[in-house]
Amino acid sequence: MDIGLTLLLRSFVYFLKIYFLMLIMRILLYWFPNVSFYDQPFYSLVRVTDPYLRLFRGILPIFLGMDLSPLFAFLVIQILIDAVP
């Protein structure tokens, strides 16, 4: 494989891993009711992760009062990470 393509694919995988960690941080912070998502740095975290999660919220209904969109968002990112050689 060309070295430029390998570098591009590895960079993409590293980006996905960092984004995955950002999603985990966001989901964990929702368990703490005293965290204000309108203050920095949480506001930036919401602005970066919300468009991706909104893709799945439009597809998946809320099941038993739980939003399952983060699970599918994690699943898609993990599939992409595993698919890249």
C-alpha atoms as a PDB file:
ATOM      1  CA  MET A   1       0.000   0.000   0.000  1.00  0.00           C
ATOM      2  CA  ASP A   2       1.180   3.521  -0.714  1.00  0.00           C
ATOM      3  CA  ILE A   3       2.772   5.260   2.263  1.00  0.00           C
ATOM      4  CA  GLY A   4       0.561   8.333   1.832  1.00  0.00           C
ATOM      5  CA  LEU A   5      -2.614   6.237   1.943  1.00  0.00           C
ATOM      6  CA  THR A   6      -1.353   4.358   4.996  1.00  0.00           C
ATOM      7  CA  LEU A   7      -0.679   7.644   6.777  1.00  0.00           C
ATOM      8  CA  LEU A   8      -4.132   8.940   5.851  1.00  0.00           C
ATOM      9  CA  LEU A   9      -5.869   5.789   7.091  1.00  0.00           C
ATOM     10  CA  ARG A  10      -3.922   5.766  10.366  1.00  0.00           C
ATOM     11  CA  SER A  11      -4.761   9.422  10.930  1.00  0.00           C
ATOM     12  CA  PHE A  12      -8.421   8.646  10.315  1.00  0.00           C
ATOM     13  CA  VAL A  13      -8.319   5.792  12.832  1.00  0.00           C
ATOM     14  CA  TYR A  14      -6.648   8.005  15.454  1.00  0.00           C
ATOM     15  CA  PHE A  15      -9.296  10.665  14.862  1.00  0.00           C
ATOM     16  CA  LEU A  16     -12.042   8.057  15.343  1.00  0.00           C
ATOM     17  CA  LYS A  17     -10.450   6.847  18.573  1.00  0.00           C
ATOM     18  CA  ILE A  18     -10.275  10.384  19.974  1.00  0.00           C
ATOM     19  CA  TYR A  19     -13.873  11.028  18.908  1.00  0.00           C
ATOM     20  CA  PHE A  20     -14.885   7.752  20.575  1.00  0.00           C
ATOM     21  CA  LEU A  21     -13.331   8.960  23.840  1.00  0.00           C
ATOM     22  CA  MET A  22     -15.129  12.290  23.509  1.00  0.00           C
ATOM     23  CA  LEU A  23     -18.445  10.459  23.124  1.00  0.00           C
ATOM     24  CA  ILE A  24     -17.710   8.396  26.223  1.00  0.00           C
ATOM     25  CA  MET A  25     -16.904  11.555  28.192  1.00  0.00           C
ATOM     26  CA  ARG A  26     -20.150  13.150  27.083  1.00  0.00           C
ATOM     27  CA  ILE A  27     -22.260  10.134  28.022  1.00  0.00           C
ATOM     28  CA  LEU A  28     -20.573   9.817  31.421  1.00  0.00           C
ATOM     29  CA  LEU A  29     -21.082  13.508  32.168  1.00  0.00           C
ATOM     30  CA  TYR A  30     -24.842  13.155  31.669  1.00  0.00           C
ATOM     31  CA  TRP A  31     -24.940  11.046  34.841  1.00  0.00           C
ATOM     32  CA  PHE A  32     -23.935  14.094  36.878  1.00  0.00           C
ATOM     33  CA  PRO A  33     -26.895  16.483  37.128  1.00  0.00           C
ATOM     34  CA  ASN A  34     -24.810  19.368  38.472  1.00  0.00           C
ATOM     35  CA  VAL A  35     -22.689  19.596  35.283  1.00  0.00           C
ATOM     36  CA  SER A  36     -23.733  22.578  33.188  1.00  0.00           C
ATOM     37  CA  PHE A  37     -23.319  21.873  29.493  1.00  0.00           C
ATOM     38  CA  TYR A  38     -23.535  25.596  28.764  1.00  0.00           C
ATOM     39  CA  ASP A  39     -20.135  26.290  30.347  1.00  0.00           C
ATOM     40  CA  GLN A  40     -16.727  25.556  28.881  1.00  0.00           C
ATOM     41  CA  PRO A  41     -15.249  22.980  28.257  1.00  0.00           C
ATOM     42  CA  PHE A  42     -18.497  20.995  28.264  1.00  0.00           C
ATOM     43  CA  TYR A  43     -20.175  23.274  25.752  1.00  0.00           C
ATOM     44  CA  SER A  44     -17.436  22.553  23.210  1.00  0.00           C
ATOM     45  CA  LEU A  45     -17.764  18.834  23.862  1.00  0.00           C
ATOM     46  CA  VAL A  46     -21.506  18.974  23.187  1.00  0.00           C
ATOM     47  CA  ARG A  47     -21.034  21.034  20.032  1.00  0.00           C
ATOM     48  CA  VAL A  48     -18.530  18.547  18.627  1.00  0.00           C
ATOM     49  CA  THR A  49     -20.403  15.346  19.481  1.00  0.00           C
ATOM     50  CA  ASP A  50     -24.035  16.396  19.073  1.00  0.00           C
ATOM     51  CA  PRO A  51     -24.245  16.397  15.242  1.00  0.00           C
ATOM     52  CA  TYR A  52     -23.045  12.795  15.090  1.00  0.00           C
ATOM     53  CA  LEU A  53     -25.430  11.642  17.820  1.00  0.00           C
ATOM     54  CA  ARG A  54     -28.323  13.490  16.162  1.00  0.00           C
ATOM     55  CA  LEU A  55     -27.902  11.251  13.122  1.00  0.00           C
ATOM     56  CA  PHE A  56     -28.896   8.259  15.218  1.00  0.00           C
ATOM     57  CA  ARG A  57     -31.565  10.029  17.257  1.00  0.00           C
ATOM     58  CA  GLY A  58     -33.489  10.680  14.066  1.00  0.00           C
ATOM     59  CA  ILE A  59     -33.417   6.981  13.160  1.00  0.00           C
ATOM     60  CA  LEU A  60     -33.885   5.260  16.521  1.00  0.00           C
ATOM     61  CA  PRO A  61     -36.901   5.840  18.744  1.00  0.00           C
ATOM     62  CA  ILE A  62     -36.539   6.154  22.498  1.00  0.00           C
ATOM     63  CA  PHE A  63     -36.911   2.681  24.007  1.00  0.00           C
ATOM     64  CA  LEU A  64     -38.344   2.386  27.544  1.00  0.00           C
ATOM     65  CA  GLY A  65     -37.329   5.952  28.302  1.00  0.00           C
ATOM     66  CA  MET A  66     -33.709   5.412  27.246  1.00  0.00           C
ATOM     67  CA  ASP A  67     -31.920   6.996  24.320  1.00  0.00           C
ATOM     68  CA  LEU A  68     -30.102   4.183  22.517  1.00  0.00           C
ATOM     69  CA  SER A  69     -28.480   6.410  19.915  1.00  0.00           C
ATOM     70  CA  PRO A  70     -25.074   6.495  21.693  1.00  0.00           C
ATOM     71  CA  LEU A  71     -24.865   2.705  21.580  1.00  0.00           C
ATOM     72  CA  PHE A  72     -25.301   2.665  17.830  1.00  0.00           C
ATOM     73  CA  ALA A  73     -22.944   5.625  17.467  1.00  0.00           C
ATOM     74  CA  PHE A  74     -20.280   3.664  19.368  1.00  0.00           C
ATOM     75  CA  LEU A  75     -20.983   0.593  17.274  1.00  0.00           C
ATOM     76  CA  VAL A  76     -20.533   2.431  13.966  1.00  0.00           C
ATOM     77  CA  ILE A  77     -17.273   4.051  15.075  1.00  0.00           C
ATOM     78  CA  GLN A  78     -15.939   0.720  16.327  1.00  0.00           C
ATOM     79  CA  ILE A  79     -16.843  -0.982  13.046  1.00  0.00           C
ATOM     80  CA  LEU A  80     -15.011   1.743  11.122  1.00  0.00           C
ATOM     81  CA  ILE A  81     -11.934   1.423  13.344  1.00  0.00           C
ATOM     82  CA  ASP A  82     -11.874  -2.339  12.887  1.00  0.00           C
ATOM     83  CA  ALA A  83     -12.482  -2.123   9.130  1.00  0.00           C
ATOM     84  CA  VAL A  84      -9.427   0.014   8.430  1.00  0.00           C
ATOM     85  CA  PRO A  85      -6.361  -2.203   7.996  1.00  0.00           C
END
